[in-house]
Amino acid sequence: MKLCIPTLGNGGLDDFVSEHFGRAPTFTIVDIAKNDVKIVQNSGEHFGGMGTAPDLIAEAGAEIVLCSGLGPRAISMFEQSGIEVYVGARGIVRDAIRAFQAGMLREATDANACKMHRH
């Protein structure tokens, strides 16, 4: 299983979860089965590049996204890609993974999407 967590840098499992999904500088991809960590730079449209963060994450092969929160447009894009999204992740990457494994994160829905991003 490959998890993706939006992060603030290149710190891997010890990096901090980004509070703003689309503007996260990096995405930390963790393959739980292989115990492998990969960092993907966010080169999406929020950073002057092409494509969207959900596109980058799908290309990286992630099956599940763990994040603090995100807008309804991103939720819809992930649904179309078949990628599950859970919100409520905080702290560092390894804490977010533990919270997910313990069932402490909520599945992302339009009802719990970021209110500031309803466009």
N, C-alpha and C. Protein backbone atom coordinates (compact mmCIF):
# COMPACT_ATOMS: atom_id res chain seq x y z
N MET A 1 0.84 -1.17 0.00
CA MET A 1 0.00 0.00 0.00
C MET A 1 0.89 1.24 0.00
N LYS A 2 0.60 2.17 -0.94
CA LYS A 2 1.35 3.42 -1.00
C LYS A 2 0.50 4.56 -0.47
N LEU A 3 1.05 5.23 0.54
CA LEU A 3 0.41 6.39 1.14
C LEU A 3 1.11 7.65 0.66
N CYS A 4 0.36 8.73 0.53
CA CYS A 4 0.94 10.03 0.19
C CYS A 4 0.54 11.04 1.25
N ILE A 5 1.54 11.79 1.71
CA ILE A 5 1.29 12.83 2.71
C ILE A 5 1.89 14.14 2.18
N PRO A 6 1.10 15.23 2.07
CA PRO A 6 1.66 16.51 1.66
C PRO A 6 2.59 17.03 2.76
N THR A 7 3.79 17.43 2.37
CA THR A 7 4.79 17.79 3.37
C THR A 7 5.47 19.13 3.05
N LEU A 8 6.25 19.60 4.04
CA LEU A 8 6.90 20.91 3.94
C LEU A 8 8.31 20.85 3.37
N GLY A 9 8.88 19.67 3.23
CA GLY A 9 10.26 19.60 2.73
C GLY A 9 10.66 18.21 2.34
N ASN A 10 11.92 17.89 2.61
CA ASN A 10 12.51 16.63 2.18
C ASN A 10 12.87 15.73 3.35
N GLY A 11 12.19 15.86 4.47
CA GLY A 11 12.54 15.14 5.69
C GLY A 11 12.02 13.72 5.81
N GLY A 12 11.32 13.22 4.79
CA GLY A 12 10.83 11.85 4.85
C GLY A 12 9.84 11.63 5.98
N LEU A 13 10.04 10.56 6.73
CA LEU A 13 9.11 10.21 7.82
C LEU A 13 9.11 11.24 8.95
N ASP A 14 10.17 12.05 9.04
CA ASP A 14 10.26 13.06 10.09
C ASP A 14 9.85 14.45 9.61
N ASP A 15 9.38 14.56 8.38
CA ASP A 15 8.95 15.85 7.84
C ASP A 15 7.57 16.20 8.40
N PHE A 16 7.24 17.48 8.38
CA PHE A 16 5.95 17.94 8.89
C PHE A 16 4.88 17.89 7.80
N VAL A 17 3.68 17.52 8.20
CA VAL A 17 2.52 17.52 7.31
C VAL A 17 2.18 18.96 6.97
N SER A 18 2.02 19.24 5.69
CA SER A 18 1.64 20.58 5.24
C SER A 18 0.17 20.82 5.56
N GLU A 19 -0.14 21.99 6.08
CA GLU A 19 -1.52 22.34 6.43
C GLU A 19 -2.34 22.69 5.19
N HIS A 20 -1.68 23.06 4.09
CA HIS A 20 -2.38 23.47 2.87
C HIS A 20 -2.02 22.49 1.76
N PHE A 21 -2.92 21.57 1.48
CA PHE A 21 -2.65 20.47 0.56
C PHE A 21 -2.07 20.91 -0.79
N GLY A 22 -2.78 21.75 -1.53
CA GLY A 22 -2.36 22.12 -2.88
C GLY A 22 -1.08 22.91 -2.94
N ARG A 23 -0.74 23.58 -1.86
CA ARG A 23 0.47 24.39 -1.84
C ARG A 23 1.61 23.73 -1.06
N ALA A 24 1.46 22.45 -0.78
CA ALA A 24 2.55 21.72 -0.11
C ALA A 24 3.74 21.67 -1.06
N PRO A 25 4.93 22.02 -0.58
CA PRO A 25 6.11 21.99 -1.46
C PRO A 25 6.47 20.59 -1.94
N THR A 26 6.17 19.59 -1.12
CA THR A 26 6.52 18.21 -1.46
C THR A 26 5.40 17.26 -1.07
N PHE A 27 5.48 16.07 -1.64
CA PHE A 27 4.59 14.98 -1.25
C PHE A 27 5.48 13.80 -0.88
N THR A 28 5.30 13.30 0.32
CA THR A 28 6.08 12.15 0.77
C THR A 28 5.25 10.90 0.49
N ILE A 29 5.81 10.02 -0.33
CA ILE A 29 5.15 8.77 -0.71
C ILE A 29 5.79 7.65 0.10
N VAL A 30 4.97 6.92 0.86
CA VAL A 30 5.47 5.86 1.72
C VAL A 30 4.84 4.54 1.28
N ASP A 31 5.67 3.62 0.85
CA ASP A 31 5.21 2.27 0.50
C ASP A 31 5.33 1.43 1.76
N ILE A 32 4.21 1.18 2.40
CA ILE A 32 4.18 0.46 3.67
C ILE A 32 4.75 -0.95 3.52
N ALA A 33 4.38 -1.64 2.45
CA ALA A 33 4.80 -3.04 2.25
C ALA A 33 6.31 -3.16 2.06
N LYS A 34 6.89 -2.21 1.35
CA LYS A 34 8.33 -2.26 1.05
C LYS A 34 9.17 -1.42 2.01
N ASN A 35 8.50 -0.70 2.92
CA ASN A 35 9.20 0.20 3.84
C ASN A 35 10.09 1.17 3.07
N ASP A 36 9.53 1.77 2.01
CA ASP A 36 10.26 2.66 1.12
C ASP A 36 9.64 4.05 1.19
N VAL A 37 10.49 5.08 1.18
CA VAL A 37 10.03 6.47 1.23
C VAL A 37 10.59 7.22 0.03
N LYS A 38 9.72 7.95 -0.66
CA LYS A 38 10.12 8.73 -1.83
C LYS A 38 9.54 10.13 -1.69
N ILE A 39 10.30 11.13 -2.07
CA ILE A 39 9.83 12.52 -2.02
C ILE A 39 9.55 12.99 -3.45
N VAL A 40 8.36 13.55 -3.66
CA VAL A 40 7.98 14.10 -4.96
C VAL A 40 7.80 15.60 -4.79
N GLN A 41 8.50 16.38 -5.60
CA GLN A 41 8.37 17.83 -5.56
C GLN A 41 7.02 18.22 -6.17
N ASN A 42 6.34 19.18 -5.57
CA ASN A 42 5.06 19.66 -6.11
C ASN A 42 5.36 20.62 -7.25
N SER A 43 5.22 20.13 -8.46
CA SER A 43 5.45 20.95 -9.64
C SER A 43 4.13 21.28 -10.33
N GLY A 44 3.04 21.25 -9.58
CA GLY A 44 1.72 21.52 -10.12
C GLY A 44 1.48 22.99 -10.37
N GLU A 45 0.26 23.28 -10.79
CA GLU A 45 -0.10 24.64 -11.20
C GLU A 45 0.04 25.67 -10.10
N HIS A 46 -0.10 25.28 -8.82
CA HIS A 46 0.09 26.24 -7.72
C HIS A 46 1.54 26.72 -7.63
N PHE A 47 2.44 25.97 -8.24
CA PHE A 47 3.86 26.35 -8.21
C PHE A 47 4.35 26.79 -9.58
N GLY A 48 3.43 27.17 -10.45
CA GLY A 48 3.79 27.67 -11.77
C GLY A 48 4.04 26.57 -12.78
N GLY A 49 3.79 25.34 -12.42
CA GLY A 49 4.01 24.22 -13.33
C GLY A 49 2.73 23.83 -14.06
N MET A 50 2.74 22.62 -14.53
CA MET A 50 1.59 22.10 -15.26
C MET A 50 0.94 20.99 -14.44
N GLY A 51 -0.34 20.82 -14.63
CA GLY A 51 -1.05 19.74 -13.95
C GLY A 51 -1.44 20.13 -12.54
N THR A 52 -2.00 19.16 -11.85
CA THR A 52 -2.48 19.40 -10.49
C THR A 52 -1.80 18.46 -9.52
N ALA A 53 -1.89 18.79 -8.25
CA ALA A 53 -1.32 17.91 -7.23
C ALA A 53 -1.94 16.50 -7.30
N PRO A 54 -3.27 16.35 -7.47
CA PRO A 54 -3.81 15.00 -7.60
C PRO A 54 -3.21 14.22 -8.78
N ASP A 55 -2.91 14.92 -9.88
CA ASP A 55 -2.27 14.26 -11.03
C ASP A 55 -0.89 13.73 -10.64
N LEU A 56 -0.10 14.56 -9.95
CA LEU A 56 1.25 14.16 -9.54
C LEU A 56 1.20 12.95 -8.61
N ILE A 57 0.25 12.97 -7.71
CA ILE A 57 0.13 11.89 -6.72
C ILE A 57 -0.30 10.59 -7.39
N ALA A 58 -1.21 10.69 -8.35
CA ALA A 58 -1.63 9.50 -9.10
C ALA A 58 -0.46 8.93 -9.89
N GLU A 59 0.34 9.81 -10.52
CA GLU A 59 1.51 9.36 -11.28
C GLU A 59 2.53 8.67 -10.38
N ALA A 60 2.60 9.07 -9.12
CA ALA A 60 3.54 8.46 -8.17
C ALA A 60 3.05 7.10 -7.67
N GLY A 61 1.81 6.74 -8.03
CA GLY A 61 1.29 5.44 -7.66
C GLY A 61 0.65 5.35 -6.29
N ALA A 62 0.37 6.50 -5.68
CA ALA A 62 -0.25 6.49 -4.34
C ALA A 62 -1.68 5.96 -4.43
N GLU A 63 -2.07 5.22 -3.42
CA GLU A 63 -3.42 4.67 -3.34
C GLU A 63 -4.27 5.41 -2.32
N ILE A 64 -3.60 6.03 -1.34
CA ILE A 64 -4.28 6.71 -0.24
C ILE A 64 -3.52 8.00 0.08
N VAL A 65 -4.26 9.08 0.30
CA VAL A 65 -3.68 10.37 0.71
C VAL A 65 -4.11 10.65 2.13
N LEU A 66 -3.14 11.04 2.96
CA LEU A 66 -3.41 11.46 4.33
C LEU A 66 -3.04 12.93 4.41
N CYS A 67 -4.00 13.79 4.74
CA CYS A 67 -3.70 15.22 4.77
C CYS A 67 -4.46 15.91 5.90
N SER A 68 -4.08 17.15 6.14
CA SER A 68 -4.76 17.96 7.15
C SER A 68 -6.17 18.25 6.69
N GLY A 69 -6.30 18.73 5.47
CA GLY A 69 -7.58 19.04 4.86
C GLY A 69 -7.36 19.42 3.41
N LEU A 70 -8.44 19.50 2.63
CA LEU A 70 -8.34 19.89 1.23
C LEU A 70 -9.71 20.31 0.75
N GLY A 71 -9.74 20.96 -0.41
CA GLY A 71 -10.98 21.47 -0.94
C GLY A 71 -11.78 20.43 -1.70
N PRO A 72 -13.04 20.75 -2.00
CA PRO A 72 -13.92 19.80 -2.67
C PRO A 72 -13.46 19.44 -4.09
N ARG A 73 -12.83 20.37 -4.78
CA ARG A 73 -12.34 20.07 -6.13
C ARG A 73 -11.29 18.97 -6.08
N ALA A 74 -10.35 19.06 -5.15
CA ALA A 74 -9.31 18.03 -5.01
C ALA A 74 -9.94 16.69 -4.61
N ILE A 75 -10.91 16.73 -3.71
CA ILE A 75 -11.58 15.49 -3.32
C ILE A 75 -12.19 14.82 -4.54
N SER A 76 -12.87 15.58 -5.36
CA SER A 76 -13.50 15.05 -6.57
C SER A 76 -12.46 14.47 -7.53
N MET A 77 -11.34 15.16 -7.68
CA MET A 77 -10.28 14.68 -8.58
C MET A 77 -9.71 13.35 -8.08
N PHE A 78 -9.53 13.23 -6.78
CA PHE A 78 -9.03 11.97 -6.23
C PHE A 78 -10.05 10.85 -6.41
N GLU A 79 -11.33 11.16 -6.20
CA GLU A 79 -12.38 10.16 -6.40
C GLU A 79 -12.34 9.63 -7.82
N GLN A 80 -12.17 10.52 -8.79
CA GLN A 80 -12.11 10.12 -10.20
C GLN A 80 -10.89 9.24 -10.49
N SER A 81 -9.82 9.42 -9.72
CA SER A 81 -8.59 8.63 -9.90
C SER A 81 -8.61 7.34 -9.08
N GLY A 82 -9.64 7.16 -8.26
CA GLY A 82 -9.71 5.97 -7.43
C GLY A 82 -8.77 6.00 -6.23
N ILE A 83 -8.36 7.20 -5.82
CA ILE A 83 -7.46 7.37 -4.68
C ILE A 83 -8.28 7.79 -3.46
N GLU A 84 -8.14 7.06 -2.37
CA GLU A 84 -8.84 7.38 -1.13
C GLU A 84 -8.13 8.54 -0.43
N VAL A 85 -8.89 9.39 0.23
CA VAL A 85 -8.33 10.54 0.94
C VAL A 85 -8.88 10.57 2.36
N TYR A 86 -7.98 10.79 3.32
CA TYR A 86 -8.34 10.91 4.73
C TYR A 86 -7.82 12.23 5.26
N VAL A 87 -8.64 12.91 6.05
CA VAL A 87 -8.27 14.21 6.60
C VAL A 87 -8.08 14.13 8.12
N GLY A 88 -7.39 15.13 8.63
CA GLY A 88 -7.14 15.21 10.07
C GLY A 88 -5.70 14.90 10.43
N ALA A 89 -4.84 14.69 9.42
CA ALA A 89 -3.43 14.39 9.68
C ALA A 89 -2.72 15.62 10.23
N ARG A 90 -1.89 15.43 11.23
CA ARG A 90 -1.16 16.52 11.88
C ARG A 90 0.24 16.03 12.26
N GLY A 91 1.09 16.98 12.59
CA GLY A 91 2.41 16.62 13.11
C GLY A 91 3.36 16.19 12.01
N ILE A 92 4.08 15.11 12.27
CA ILE A 92 5.04 14.61 11.30
C ILE A 92 4.46 13.40 10.57
N VAL A 93 5.08 13.05 9.47
CA VAL A 93 4.59 11.98 8.60
C VAL A 93 4.35 10.68 9.37
N ARG A 94 5.31 10.27 10.18
CA ARG A 94 5.14 9.00 10.90
C ARG A 94 3.94 9.05 11.86
N ASP A 95 3.64 10.23 12.42
CA ASP A 95 2.45 10.38 13.28
C ASP A 95 1.17 10.26 12.46
N ALA A 96 1.17 10.85 11.27
CA ALA A 96 0.00 10.78 10.39
C ALA A 96 -0.28 9.33 10.00
N ILE A 97 0.77 8.58 9.70
CA ILE A 97 0.60 7.17 9.33
C ILE A 97 0.06 6.37 10.51
N ARG A 98 0.59 6.61 11.70
CA ARG A 98 0.10 5.92 12.90
C ARG A 98 -1.38 6.24 13.15
N ALA A 99 -1.74 7.51 12.99
CA ALA A 99 -3.14 7.91 13.19
C ALA A 99 -4.05 7.21 12.19
N PHE A 100 -3.61 7.11 10.95
CA PHE A 100 -4.39 6.41 9.92
C PHE A 100 -4.54 4.93 10.28
N GLN A 101 -3.44 4.30 10.66
CA GLN A 101 -3.48 2.88 11.00
C GLN A 101 -4.35 2.61 12.23
N ALA A 102 -4.46 3.60 13.10
CA ALA A 102 -5.29 3.46 14.30
C ALA A 102 -6.75 3.84 14.05
N GLY A 103 -7.08 4.23 12.80
CA GLY A 103 -8.45 4.60 12.47
C GLY A 103 -8.86 5.96 12.98
N MET A 104 -7.89 6.84 13.23
CA MET A 104 -8.20 8.15 13.82
C MET A 104 -8.46 9.26 12.78
N LEU A 105 -8.19 8.99 11.49
CA LEU A 105 -8.44 9.99 10.46
C LEU A 105 -9.80 9.73 9.83
N ARG A 106 -10.42 10.80 9.31
CA ARG A 106 -11.75 10.69 8.69
C ARG A 106 -11.63 10.68 7.17
N GLU A 107 -12.47 9.90 6.53
CA GLU A 107 -12.49 9.90 5.07
C GLU A 107 -12.95 11.28 4.59
N ALA A 108 -12.29 11.82 3.57
CA ALA A 108 -12.63 13.14 3.05
C ALA A 108 -13.96 13.10 2.29
N THR A 109 -14.80 14.08 2.57
CA THR A 109 -16.09 14.22 1.90
C THR A 109 -16.32 15.69 1.60
N ASP A 110 -17.33 15.98 0.81
CA ASP A 110 -17.66 17.37 0.55
C ASP A 110 -18.05 18.09 1.84
N ALA A 111 -18.65 17.35 2.76
CA ALA A 111 -19.09 17.95 4.03
C ALA A 111 -17.92 18.39 4.92
N ASN A 112 -16.78 17.68 4.84
CA ASN A 112 -15.64 18.07 5.69
C ASN A 112 -14.51 18.71 4.89
N ALA A 113 -14.80 19.12 3.64
CA ALA A 113 -13.81 19.83 2.82
C ALA A 113 -13.56 21.22 3.39
N CYS A 114 -12.39 21.77 3.08
CA CYS A 114 -12.04 23.11 3.54
C CYS A 114 -13.07 24.12 3.03
N LYS A 115 -13.62 24.89 3.91
CA LYS A 115 -14.65 25.88 3.54
C LYS A 115 -14.09 27.02 2.71
N MET A 116 -12.81 27.31 2.85
CA MET A 116 -12.19 28.41 2.12
C MET A 116 -12.00 28.07 0.64
N HIS A 117 -12.16 26.81 0.27
CA HIS A 117 -11.86 26.38 -1.10
C HIS A 117 -13.11 25.87 -1.82
N ARG A 118 -14.20 26.53 -1.63
CA ARG A 118 -15.45 26.13 -2.29
C ARG A 118 -15.64 26.96 -3.57
N HIS A 119 -14.81 26.63 -4.57
CA HIS A 119 -14.93 27.34 -5.86
C HIS A 119 -14.92 26.37 -6.99
